[in-house]
C-alpha atoms as a PDB file:
ATOM      1  CA  UNK A   1      12.049 -14.655  -5.221  1.00  0.00           C
ATOM      2  CA  UNK A   2      10.795 -14.812  -8.758  1.00  0.00           C
ATOM      3  CA  UNK A   3      13.310 -14.966 -11.559  1.00  0.00           C
ATOM      4  CA  UNK A   4      11.781 -12.204 -13.578  1.00  0.00           C
ATOM      5  CA  UNK A   5      12.645  -9.499 -10.924  1.00  0.00           C
ATOM      6  CA  UNK A   6      16.362  -9.751 -11.665  1.00  0.00           C
ATOM      7  CA  UNK A   7      15.773  -8.053 -15.016  1.00  0.00           C
ATOM      8  CA  UNK A   8      13.027  -5.694 -13.801  1.00  0.00           C
ATOM      9  CA  UNK A   9      13.257  -1.926 -14.228  1.00  0.00           C
ATOM     10  CA  UNK A  10      10.232  -0.227 -12.627  1.00  0.00           C
ATOM     11  CA  UNK A  11       8.427   2.892 -13.609  1.00  0.00           C
ATOM     12  CA  UNK A  12       6.415   4.318 -10.754  1.00  0.00           C
ATOM     13  CA  UNK A  13       2.980   5.950 -11.468  1.00  0.00           C
ATOM     14  CA  UNK A  14       0.770   7.684  -8.907  1.00  0.00           C
ATOM     15  CA  UNK A  15      -2.485   7.554 -10.853  1.00  0.00           C
ATOM     16  CA  UNK A  16      -4.489   9.965  -8.763  1.00  0.00           C
ATOM     17  CA  UNK A  17      -1.932  12.648  -9.347  1.00  0.00           C
ATOM     18  CA  UNK A  18      -0.843  11.953 -13.038  1.00  0.00           C
ATOM     19  CA  UNK A  19      -4.429  11.739 -14.175  1.00  0.00           C
ATOM     20  CA  UNK A  20      -5.777  14.948 -12.611  1.00  0.00           C
ATOM     21  CA  UNK A  21      -8.180  13.220 -10.191  1.00  0.00           C
ATOM     22  CA  UNK A  22     -10.027  15.581  -7.681  1.00  0.00           C
ATOM     23  CA  UNK A  23      -8.167  15.763  -4.421  1.00  0.00           C
ATOM     24  CA  UNK A  24     -11.212  14.530  -2.526  1.00  0.00           C
ATOM     25  CA  UNK A  25     -13.369  11.726  -3.237  1.00  0.00           C
ATOM     26  CA  UNK A  26     -17.135  12.253  -3.823  1.00  0.00           C
ATOM     27  CA  UNK A  27     -18.333   8.785  -2.759  1.00  0.00           C
ATOM     28  CA  UNK A  28     -21.790   9.538  -4.154  1.00  0.00           C
ATOM     29  CA  UNK A  29     -20.470  10.756  -7.463  1.00  0.00           C
ATOM     30  CA  UNK A  30     -20.204   9.113 -10.766  1.00  0.00           C
ATOM     31  CA  UNK A  31     -17.287   7.035 -12.143  1.00  0.00           C
ATOM     32  CA  UNK A  32     -14.612   8.734 -14.181  1.00  0.00           C
ATOM     33  CA  UNK A  33     -12.680   6.363 -16.401  1.00  0.00           C
ATOM     34  CA  UNK A  34      -9.264   7.904 -16.222  1.00  0.00           C
ATOM     35  CA  UNK A  35      -7.160   4.604 -15.850  1.00  0.00           C
ATOM     36  CA  UNK A  36      -7.513   3.600 -19.553  1.00  0.00           C
ATOM     37  CA  UNK A  37      -5.528   6.729 -20.538  1.00  0.00           C
ATOM     38  CA  UNK A  38      -2.493   5.267 -18.865  1.00  0.00           C
ATOM     39  CA  UNK A  39      -2.029   3.084 -21.871  1.00  0.00           C
ATOM     40  CA  UNK A  40      -0.808   6.154 -23.698  1.00  0.00           C
ATOM     41  CA  UNK A  41       2.275   6.174 -21.466  1.00  0.00           C
ATOM     42  CA  UNK A  42       3.426   2.648 -22.550  1.00  0.00           C
ATOM     43  CA  UNK A  43       5.735   3.789 -25.448  1.00  0.00           C
ATOM     44  CA  UNK A  44       7.418   6.378 -23.343  1.00  0.00           C
ATOM     45  CA  UNK A  45       7.825   3.931 -20.363  1.00  0.00           C
ATOM     46  CA  UNK A  46       9.290   1.326 -22.867  1.00  0.00           C
ATOM     47  CA  UNK A  47      11.601   3.856 -24.444  1.00  0.00           C
ATOM     48  CA  UNK A  48      13.160   4.591 -21.033  1.00  0.00           C
ATOM     49  CA  UNK A  49      14.045   1.011 -20.864  1.00  0.00           C
ATOM     50  CA  UNK A  50      11.480  -0.004 -18.158  1.00  0.00           C
ATOM     51  CA  UNK A  51       9.700  -3.291 -18.316  1.00  0.00           C
ATOM     52  CA  UNK A  52       7.678  -3.163 -15.180  1.00  0.00           C
ATOM     53  CA  UNK A  53       5.185  -0.697 -13.651  1.00  0.00           C
ATOM     54  CA  UNK A  54       4.394   0.108  -9.933  1.00  0.00           C
ATOM     55  CA  UNK A  55       0.923   1.702  -9.709  1.00  0.00           C
ATOM     56  CA  UNK A  56       0.323   3.780  -6.662  1.00  0.00           C
ATOM     57  CA  UNK A  57      -3.020   3.293  -4.807  1.00  0.00           C
ATOM     58  CA  UNK A  58      -5.936   2.708  -7.101  1.00  0.00           C
ATOM     59  CA  UNK A  59      -8.664   1.482  -4.686  1.00  0.00           C
ATOM     60  CA  UNK A  60     -11.438   3.583  -3.296  1.00  0.00           C
ATOM     61  CA  UNK A  61     -10.165   6.167  -0.772  1.00  0.00           C
ATOM     62  CA  UNK A  62     -11.145   9.356   0.851  1.00  0.00           C
ATOM     63  CA  UNK A  63      -8.331  11.512  -0.581  1.00  0.00           C
ATOM     64  CA  UNK A  64      -4.668  10.664  -1.534  1.00  0.00           C
ATOM     65  CA  UNK A  65      -5.099   6.936  -1.771  1.00  0.00           C
ATOM     66  CA  UNK A  66      -3.354   5.805   1.346  1.00  0.00           C
ATOM     67  CA  UNK A  67      -6.582   6.218   3.205  1.00  0.00           C
ATOM     68  CA  UNK A  68      -8.529   3.310   1.944  1.00  0.00           C
ATOM     69  CA  UNK A  69     -12.407   3.058   1.981  1.00  0.00           C
ATOM     70  CA  UNK A  70     -12.759  -0.238  -0.107  1.00  0.00           C
ATOM     71  CA  UNK A  71      -9.851  -2.638  -0.883  1.00  0.00           C
ATOM     72  CA  UNK A  72     -11.603  -4.349  -3.768  1.00  0.00           C
ATOM     73  CA  UNK A  73     -13.280  -1.552  -5.612  1.00  0.00           C
ATOM     74  CA  UNK A  74     -11.274   0.769  -7.917  1.00  0.00           C
ATOM     75  CA  UNK A  75     -11.496   4.494  -6.922  1.00  0.00           C
ATOM     76  CA  UNK A  76     -14.388   6.045  -8.731  1.00  0.00           C
ATOM     77  CA  UNK A  77     -12.128   8.963  -9.683  1.00  0.00           C
ATOM     78  CA  UNK A  78     -10.020   6.577 -11.706  1.00  0.00           C
ATOM     79  CA  UNK A  79     -12.588   4.194 -13.064  1.00  0.00           C
ATOM     80  CA  UNK A  80     -13.975   0.788 -12.171  1.00  0.00           C
ATOM     81  CA  UNK A  81     -12.608  -2.816 -11.845  1.00  0.00           C
ATOM     82  CA  UNK A  82     -12.773  -3.706 -15.445  1.00  0.00           C
ATOM     83  CA  UNK A  83     -10.566  -0.672 -16.243  1.00  0.00           C
ATOM     84  CA  UNK A  84      -7.944  -1.911 -13.868  1.00  0.00           C
ATOM     85  CA  UNK A  85      -8.176  -5.466 -15.155  1.00  0.00           C
ATOM     86  CA  UNK A  86      -8.047  -4.346 -18.728  1.00  0.00           C
ATOM     87  CA  UNK A  87      -5.003  -2.079 -17.921  1.00  0.00           C
ATOM     88  CA  UNK A  88      -3.053  -4.716 -16.370  1.00  0.00           C
ATOM     89  CA  UNK A  89      -3.714  -6.964 -19.287  1.00  0.00           C
ATOM     90  CA  UNK A  90      -2.636  -4.416 -21.707  1.00  0.00           C
ATOM     91  CA  UNK A  91       0.610  -3.845 -19.763  1.00  0.00           C
ATOM     92  CA  UNK A  92       1.208  -7.669 -19.797  1.00  0.00           C
ATOM     93  CA  UNK A  93       0.566  -7.688 -23.606  1.00  0.00           C
ATOM     94  CA  UNK A  94       3.365  -5.181 -24.157  1.00  0.00           C
ATOM     95  CA  UNK A  95       5.796  -7.142 -21.966  1.00  0.00           C
ATOM     96  CA  UNK A  96       5.426  -5.163 -18.614  1.00  0.00           C
ATOM     97  CA  UNK A  97       4.970  -6.674 -15.201  1.00  0.00           C
ATOM     98  CA  UNK A  98       2.664  -4.787 -12.907  1.00  0.00           C
ATOM     99  CA  UNK A  99       2.629  -4.409  -9.032  1.00  0.00           C
ATOM    100  CA  UNK A 100       0.010  -2.466  -6.982  1.00  0.00           C
ATOM    101  CA  UNK A 101       0.539  -0.311  -3.825  1.00  0.00           C
ATOM    102  CA  UNK A 102      -1.058  -2.200  -0.655  1.00  0.00           C
ATOM    103  CA  UNK A 103      -1.985  -0.088   2.278  1.00  0.00           C
ATOM    104  CA  UNK A 104      -2.686  -2.748   4.940  1.00  0.00           C
ATOM    105  CA  UNK A 105      -1.519  -0.956   8.221  1.00  0.00           C
ATOM    106  CA  UNK A 106      -4.245   1.748   8.222  1.00  0.00           C
ATOM    107  CA  UNK A 107      -7.552   2.778   6.689  1.00  0.00           C
ATOM    108  CA  UNK A 108      -9.693   5.798   6.263  1.00  0.00           C
ATOM    109  CA  UNK A 109     -12.233   7.090   8.765  1.00  0.00           C
ATOM    110  CA  UNK A 110     -14.652   6.387   5.884  1.00  0.00           C
ATOM    111  CA  UNK A 111     -13.776   2.670   5.977  1.00  0.00           C
ATOM    112  CA  UNK A 112     -17.196   0.765   6.560  1.00  0.00           C
ATOM    113  CA  UNK A 113     -16.186  -0.897   9.769  1.00  0.00           C
ATOM    114  CA  UNK A 114     -14.899   2.440  11.278  1.00  0.00           C
ATOM    115  CA  UNK A 115     -18.125   4.211  10.179  1.00  0.00           C
ATOM    116  CA  UNK A 116     -19.999   1.481  11.877  1.00  0.00           C
ATOM    117  CA  UNK A 117     -17.901   2.109  15.088  1.00  0.00           C
ATOM    118  CA  UNK A 118     -18.573   5.878  14.771  1.00  0.00           C
ATOM    119  CA  UNK A 119     -22.377   5.227  14.444  1.00  0.00           C
ATOM    120  CA  UNK A 120     -22.859   2.466  17.006  1.00  0.00           C
ATOM    121  CA  UNK A 121     -20.157   3.131  19.437  1.00  0.00           C
ATOM    122  CA  UNK A 122     -19.509   0.381  21.941  1.00  0.00           C
ATOM    123  CA  UNK A 123     -22.206  -1.796  20.449  1.00  0.00           C
ATOM    124  CA  UNK A 124     -20.297  -2.031  17.082  1.00  0.00           C
ATOM    125  CA  UNK A 125     -19.069  -5.432  16.280  1.00  0.00           C
ATOM    126  CA  UNK A 126     -16.089  -3.906  14.672  1.00  0.00           C
ATOM    127  CA  UNK A 127     -14.852  -2.209  17.819  1.00  0.00           C
ATOM    128  CA  UNK A 128     -11.789  -4.618  17.992  1.00  0.00           C
ATOM    129  CA  UNK A 129     -10.959  -4.194  14.369  1.00  0.00           C
ATOM    130  CA  UNK A 130      -8.891  -1.053  15.448  1.00  0.00           C
ATOM    131  CA  UNK A 131      -6.088  -0.565  17.679  1.00  0.00           C
ATOM    132  CA  UNK A 132      -6.444   1.261  21.179  1.00  0.00           C
ATOM    133  CA  UNK A 133     -10.121   2.051  20.888  1.00  0.00           C
ATOM    134  CA  UNK A 134     -10.906   3.809  24.158  1.00  0.00           C
ATOM    135  CA  UNK A 135     -14.298   5.091  25.137  1.00  0.00           C
ATOM    136  CA  UNK A 136     -12.944   6.715  28.191  1.00  0.00           C
ATOM    137  CA  UNK A 137     -11.593   9.653  26.218  1.00  0.00           C
ATOM    138  CA  UNK A 138     -12.436  11.645  23.006  1.00  0.00           C
ATOM    139  CA  UNK A 139     -10.320  11.872  19.862  1.00  0.00           C
ATOM    140  CA  UNK A 140      -8.824  15.137  18.680  1.00  0.00           C
ATOM    141  CA  UNK A 141     -11.553  15.063  16.005  1.00  0.00           C
ATOM    142  CA  UNK A 142     -14.377  14.995  18.654  1.00  0.00           C
ATOM    143  CA  UNK A 143     -15.233  11.381  18.363  1.00  0.00           C
ATOM    144  CA  UNK A 144     -16.669   9.834  21.572  1.00  0.00           C
ATOM    145  CA  UNK A 145     -13.665   7.540  21.763  1.00  0.00           C
ATOM    146  CA  UNK A 146      -9.955   7.709  20.978  1.00  0.00           C
ATOM    147  CA  UNK A 147      -7.930   5.382  18.808  1.00  0.00           C
ATOM    148  CA  UNK A 148      -4.501   4.773  17.524  1.00  0.00           C
ATOM    149  CA  UNK A 149      -3.803   7.060  14.646  1.00  0.00           C
ATOM    150  CA  UNK A 150      -0.889   6.193  12.301  1.00  0.00           C
ATOM    151  CA  UNK A 151       1.902   8.650  12.757  1.00  0.00           C
ATOM    152  CA  UNK A 152      -0.566  10.896  14.749  1.00  0.00           C
ATOM    153  CA  UNK A 153      -2.704  11.409  11.684  1.00  0.00           C
ATOM    154  CA  UNK A 154      -6.291  10.784  12.854  1.00  0.00           C
ATOM    155  CA  UNK A 155      -7.478  10.467   9.311  1.00  0.00           C
ATOM    156  CA  UNK A 156      -5.470   7.202   9.297  1.00  0.00           C
ATOM    157  CA  UNK A 157      -6.962   4.568  11.510  1.00  0.00           C
ATOM    158  CA  UNK A 158      -4.571   1.704  12.411  1.00  0.00           C
ATOM    159  CA  UNK A 159      -5.996  -1.793  11.786  1.00  0.00           C
ATOM    160  CA  UNK A 160      -5.640  -4.531  14.448  1.00  0.00           C
ATOM    161  CA  UNK A 161      -3.858  -7.022  12.414  1.00  0.00           C
ATOM    162  CA  UNK A 162      -3.944  -9.547  15.273  1.00  0.00           C
ATOM    163  CA  UNK A 163      -7.842  -9.801  14.856  1.00  0.00           C
ATOM    164  CA  UNK A 164      -8.813 -12.896  12.980  1.00  0.00           C
ATOM    165  CA  UNK A 165     -11.716 -11.095  11.022  1.00  0.00           C
ATOM    166  CA  UNK A 166      -9.368  -8.258   9.966  1.00  0.00           C
ATOM    167  CA  UNK A 167      -6.728 -10.788   8.889  1.00  0.00           C
ATOM    168  CA  UNK A 168      -9.138 -12.797   6.883  1.00  0.00           C
ATOM    169  CA  UNK A 169     -10.582  -9.717   5.198  1.00  0.00           C
ATOM    170  CA  UNK A 170      -7.135  -8.615   4.016  1.00  0.00           C
ATOM    171  CA  UNK A 171      -6.275 -12.144   2.940  1.00  0.00           C
ATOM    172  CA  UNK A 172      -9.288 -12.170   0.819  1.00  0.00           C
ATOM    173  CA  UNK A 173      -8.264  -8.710  -0.475  1.00  0.00           C
ATOM    174  CA  UNK A 174      -5.013 -10.297  -1.688  1.00  0.00           C
ATOM    175  CA  UNK A 175      -6.708 -13.135  -3.337  1.00  0.00           C
ATOM    176  CA  UNK A 176      -8.998 -10.709  -5.329  1.00  0.00           C
ATOM    177  CA  UNK A 177      -6.096  -8.614  -6.430  1.00  0.00           C
ATOM    178  CA  UNK A 178      -4.038 -11.505  -7.940  1.00  0.00           C
ATOM    179  CA  UNK A 179      -7.305 -13.487  -9.269  1.00  0.00           C
ATOM    180  CA  UNK A 180      -9.379 -10.628 -10.644  1.00  0.00           C
ATOM    181  CA  UNK A 181      -6.656  -8.257 -11.754  1.00  0.00           C
ATOM    182  CA  UNK A 182      -3.796 -10.569 -12.521  1.00  0.00           C
ATOM    183  CA  UNK A 183      -1.099  -8.516 -10.890  1.00  0.00           C
ATOM    184  CA  UNK A 184       2.470  -9.639 -10.550  1.00  0.00           C
ATOM    185  CA  UNK A 185       3.141  -8.352  -7.031  1.00  0.00           C
ATOM    186  CA  UNK A 186       2.587  -5.916  -4.157  1.00  0.00           C
ATOM    187  CA  UNK A 187       4.455  -2.915  -2.638  1.00  0.00           C
ATOM    188  CA  UNK A 188       3.471  -2.756   0.982  1.00  0.00           C
ATOM    189  CA  UNK A 189       3.090   0.606   2.400  1.00  0.00           C
ATOM    190  CA  UNK A 190       4.317   1.387   6.023  1.00  0.00           C
ATOM    191  CA  UNK A 191       5.542  -2.313   6.342  1.00  0.00           C
ATOM    192  CA  UNK A 192       7.875  -1.185   9.223  1.00  0.00           C
ATOM    193  CA  UNK A 193       4.717  -0.705  11.283  1.00  0.00           C
ATOM    194  CA  UNK A 194       3.158  -4.086  10.476  1.00  0.00           C
ATOM    195  CA  UNK A 195       3.460  -7.160  12.654  1.00  0.00           C
ATOM    196  CA  UNK A 196       5.971  -9.867  11.302  1.00  0.00           C
ATOM    197  CA  UNK A 197       3.549 -12.644  12.068  1.00  0.00           C
ATOM    198  CA  UNK A 198       0.767 -11.039   9.894  1.00  0.00           C
ATOM    199  CA  UNK A 199       3.207 -10.333   7.185  1.00  0.00           C
ATOM    200  CA  UNK A 200       4.373 -13.928   6.931  1.00  0.00           C
ATOM    201  CA  UNK A 201       0.793 -15.193   6.677  1.00  0.00           C
ATOM    202  CA  UNK A 202      -0.154 -12.559   4.156  1.00  0.00           C
ATOM    203  CA  UNK A 203       2.883 -13.367   2.006  1.00  0.00           C
ATOM    204  CA  UNK A 204       1.962 -16.945   2.146  1.00  0.00           C
ATOM    205  CA  UNK A 205      -1.558 -16.136   0.788  1.00  0.00           C
ATOM    206  CA  UNK A 206      -0.036 -13.919  -2.069  1.00  0.00           C
ATOM    207  CA  UNK A 207       2.492 -16.806  -3.050  1.00  0.00           C
ATOM    208  CA  UNK A 208      -0.400 -19.341  -2.962  1.00  0.00           C
ATOM    209  CA  UNK A 209      -2.255 -17.155  -5.277  1.00  0.00           C
ATOM    210  CA  UNK A 210       0.689 -16.306  -7.633  1.00  0.00           C
ATOM    211  CA  UNK A 211       3.942 -18.429  -7.152  1.00  0.00           C
ATOM    212  CA  UNK A 212       5.883 -15.933  -9.187  1.00  0.00           C
ATOM    213  CA  UNK A 213       4.672 -12.883  -7.378  1.00  0.00           C
ATOM    214  CA  UNK A 214       7.194 -10.253  -6.110  1.00  0.00           C
ATOM    215  CA  UNK A 215       6.564  -8.674  -2.545  1.00  0.00           C
ATOM    216  CA  UNK A 216       8.394  -5.536  -1.517  1.00  0.00           C
ATOM    217  CA  UNK A 217       7.928  -3.227   1.595  1.00  0.00           C
ATOM    218  CA  UNK A 218       8.386   0.423   2.444  1.00  0.00           C
ATOM    219  CA  UNK A 219      10.753   0.575   5.383  1.00  0.00           C
ATOM    220  CA  UNK A 220      11.734   4.021   6.514  1.00  0.00           C
ATOM    221  CA  UNK A 221      13.246   3.369   9.951  1.00  0.00           C
ATOM    222  CA  UNK A 222      15.111   0.306  11.216  1.00  0.00           C
ATOM    223  CA  UNK A 223      17.156  -2.464   9.750  1.00  0.00           C
ATOM    224  CA  UNK A 224      15.444  -3.415   6.596  1.00  0.00           C
ATOM    225  CA  UNK A 225      16.864  -6.798   6.681  1.00  0.00           C
ATOM    226  CA  UNK A 226      14.336  -7.712   9.322  1.00  0.00           C
ATOM    227  CA  UNK A 227      11.404  -7.680   6.795  1.00  0.00           C
ATOM    228  CA  UNK A 228      13.365  -9.859   4.300  1.00  0.00           C
ATOM    229  CA  UNK A 229      13.614 -12.993   6.430  1.00  0.00           C
ATOM    230  CA  UNK A 230      12.500 -16.348   4.883  1.00  0.00           C
ATOM    231  CA  UNK A 231       8.783 -16.407   4.519  1.00  0.00           C
ATOM    232  CA  UNK A 232       8.347 -12.646   4.551  1.00  0.00           C
ATOM    233  CA  UNK A 233       9.169 -10.003   1.756  1.00  0.00           C
ATOM    234  CA  UNK A 234      11.443 -10.411  -1.295  1.00  0.00           C
ATOM    235  CA  UNK A 235      12.807  -6.952  -0.888  1.00  0.00           C
ATOM    236  CA  UNK A 236      12.538  -3.597   0.964  1.00  0.00           C
ATOM    237  CA  UNK A 237      13.214   0.024   0.376  1.00  0.00           C
ATOM    238  CA  UNK A 238      16.370   1.219   1.888  1.00  0.00           C
ATOM    239  CA  UNK A 239      16.116   4.574   3.373  1.00  0.00           C
ATOM    240  CA  UNK A 240      18.940   4.042   5.971  1.00  0.00           C
ATOM    241  CA  UNK A 241      21.281   6.372   4.098  1.00  0.00           C
ATOM    242  CA  UNK A 242      18.950   9.359   4.069  1.00  0.00           C
ATOM    243  CA  UNK A 243      20.106  10.876   7.314  1.00  0.00           C
ATOM    244  CA  UNK A 244      23.694  10.227   6.498  1.00  0.00           C
ATOM    245  CA  UNK A 245      23.463  11.866   3.146  1.00  0.00           C
ATOM    246  CA  UNK A 246      21.765  14.899   4.796  1.00  0.00           C
ATOM    247  CA  UNK A 247      24.406  15.217   7.258  1.00  0.00           C
ATOM    248  CA  UNK A 248      27.082  14.803   4.739  1.00  0.00           C
ATOM    249  CA  UNK A 249      25.911  17.721   2.736  1.00  0.00           C
ATOM    250  CA  UNK A 250      24.567  20.012   5.569  1.00  0.00           C
ATOM    251  CA  UNK A 251      26.970  19.374   8.525  1.00  0.00           C
ATOM    252  CA  UNK A 252      30.034  17.987   6.363  1.00  0.00           C
ATOM    253  CA  UNK A 253      29.725  14.925   8.574  1.00  0.00           C
ATOM    254  CA  UNK A 254      30.919  11.900   6.540  1.00  0.00           C
ATOM    255  CA  UNK A 255      30.886   9.494   9.403  1.00  0.00           C
ATOM    256  CA  UNK A 256      27.150   8.511   9.394  1.00  0.00           C
ATOM    257  CA  UNK A 257      26.966   7.716   5.563  1.00  0.00           C
ATOM    258  CA  UNK A 258      30.359   5.966   5.816  1.00  0.00           C
ATOM    259  CA  UNK A 259      29.123   3.752   8.727  1.00  0.00           C
ATOM    260  CA  UNK A 260      25.844   2.856   6.836  1.00  0.00           C
ATOM    261  CA  UNK A 261      27.624   2.042   3.665  1.00  0.00           C
ATOM    262  CA  UNK A 262      30.230  -0.090   5.475  1.00  0.00           C
ATOM    263  CA  UNK A 263      27.533  -1.932   7.373  1.00  0.00           C
ATOM    264  CA  UNK A 264      25.473  -2.701   4.358  1.00  0.00           C
ATOM    265  CA  UNK A 265      28.225  -3.486   1.807  1.00  0.00           C
END
C-alpha cells in the first residue's frame, strides 16, 4: 500500500452530474469541454481539508457513466483526453492525488464489441467476450440472443473476464490511464462481482505502471476482507453495517449492528 494514502482525505466528484452534462450521450455530437471548469473547485476542496480527489466515470458512456462505450476516450459531454490529462496535472500541481472510477465488470450495449455481436450474431468474433450469450432465446430487449445482465439490468452487459482478449483489452486500458493521464489510483466499481484471478492480474498491471498507486473496490455484499488479500486491492468500501443500522433505527434491533462491529473491530 502506498505511503501517501495514510494522510489522504478524498473529495468525491461525479463530473457528469456536477457539470450539468446531458443525461444521454449523443455519440455523433460535438465535444463539450466541461472538465476544465473543475479547476474552480480546487480552493473549496482544499479549504475542506481534502488532499485527494476521486472522479466518478469520465470515459465515453451511453448515459450515467457506468455503462462504458470506450474506456480510453473521455466522454464527449465532458471534454477530450487532453482536458483530463491537464486536469489531473493541475490537481497534482495543487497537491492533490487523483483516482478514477473503473467499471470493468460490465459495459454498455453501445460498446463496440457488443454492437458487433448485435449486428453479426453468431458470426461475431466477440461472441465470447460476454457472459452466457445464448442464441436459443431472446433477451427482454428483443435481441436474437440472451446474455447475462448485471443485476438484471440489460443495459449493462457483463464482460467475460476469463477471455484472454477481454483481459488484455482491459490491461491495456489500465496502462493508458496511468501513462496518458498520470492518475494515482483506481476505484473499482462492482468489485464483488469480479473474479479474484482477474483482479490479481489487473492489480499487478496497475502496480507495474505506477508502483505508488492505490487500488480500492466497491464491495456491497460479502466479507470485504476477501478483496484485500495480498496481491489484490489495498482497500474496500465497507457496507456491512448498512443493514444493521437500518434495523437499529427502524426495528429497534441492535443485535445486527453489534454483531458487525464486534466482528470487525
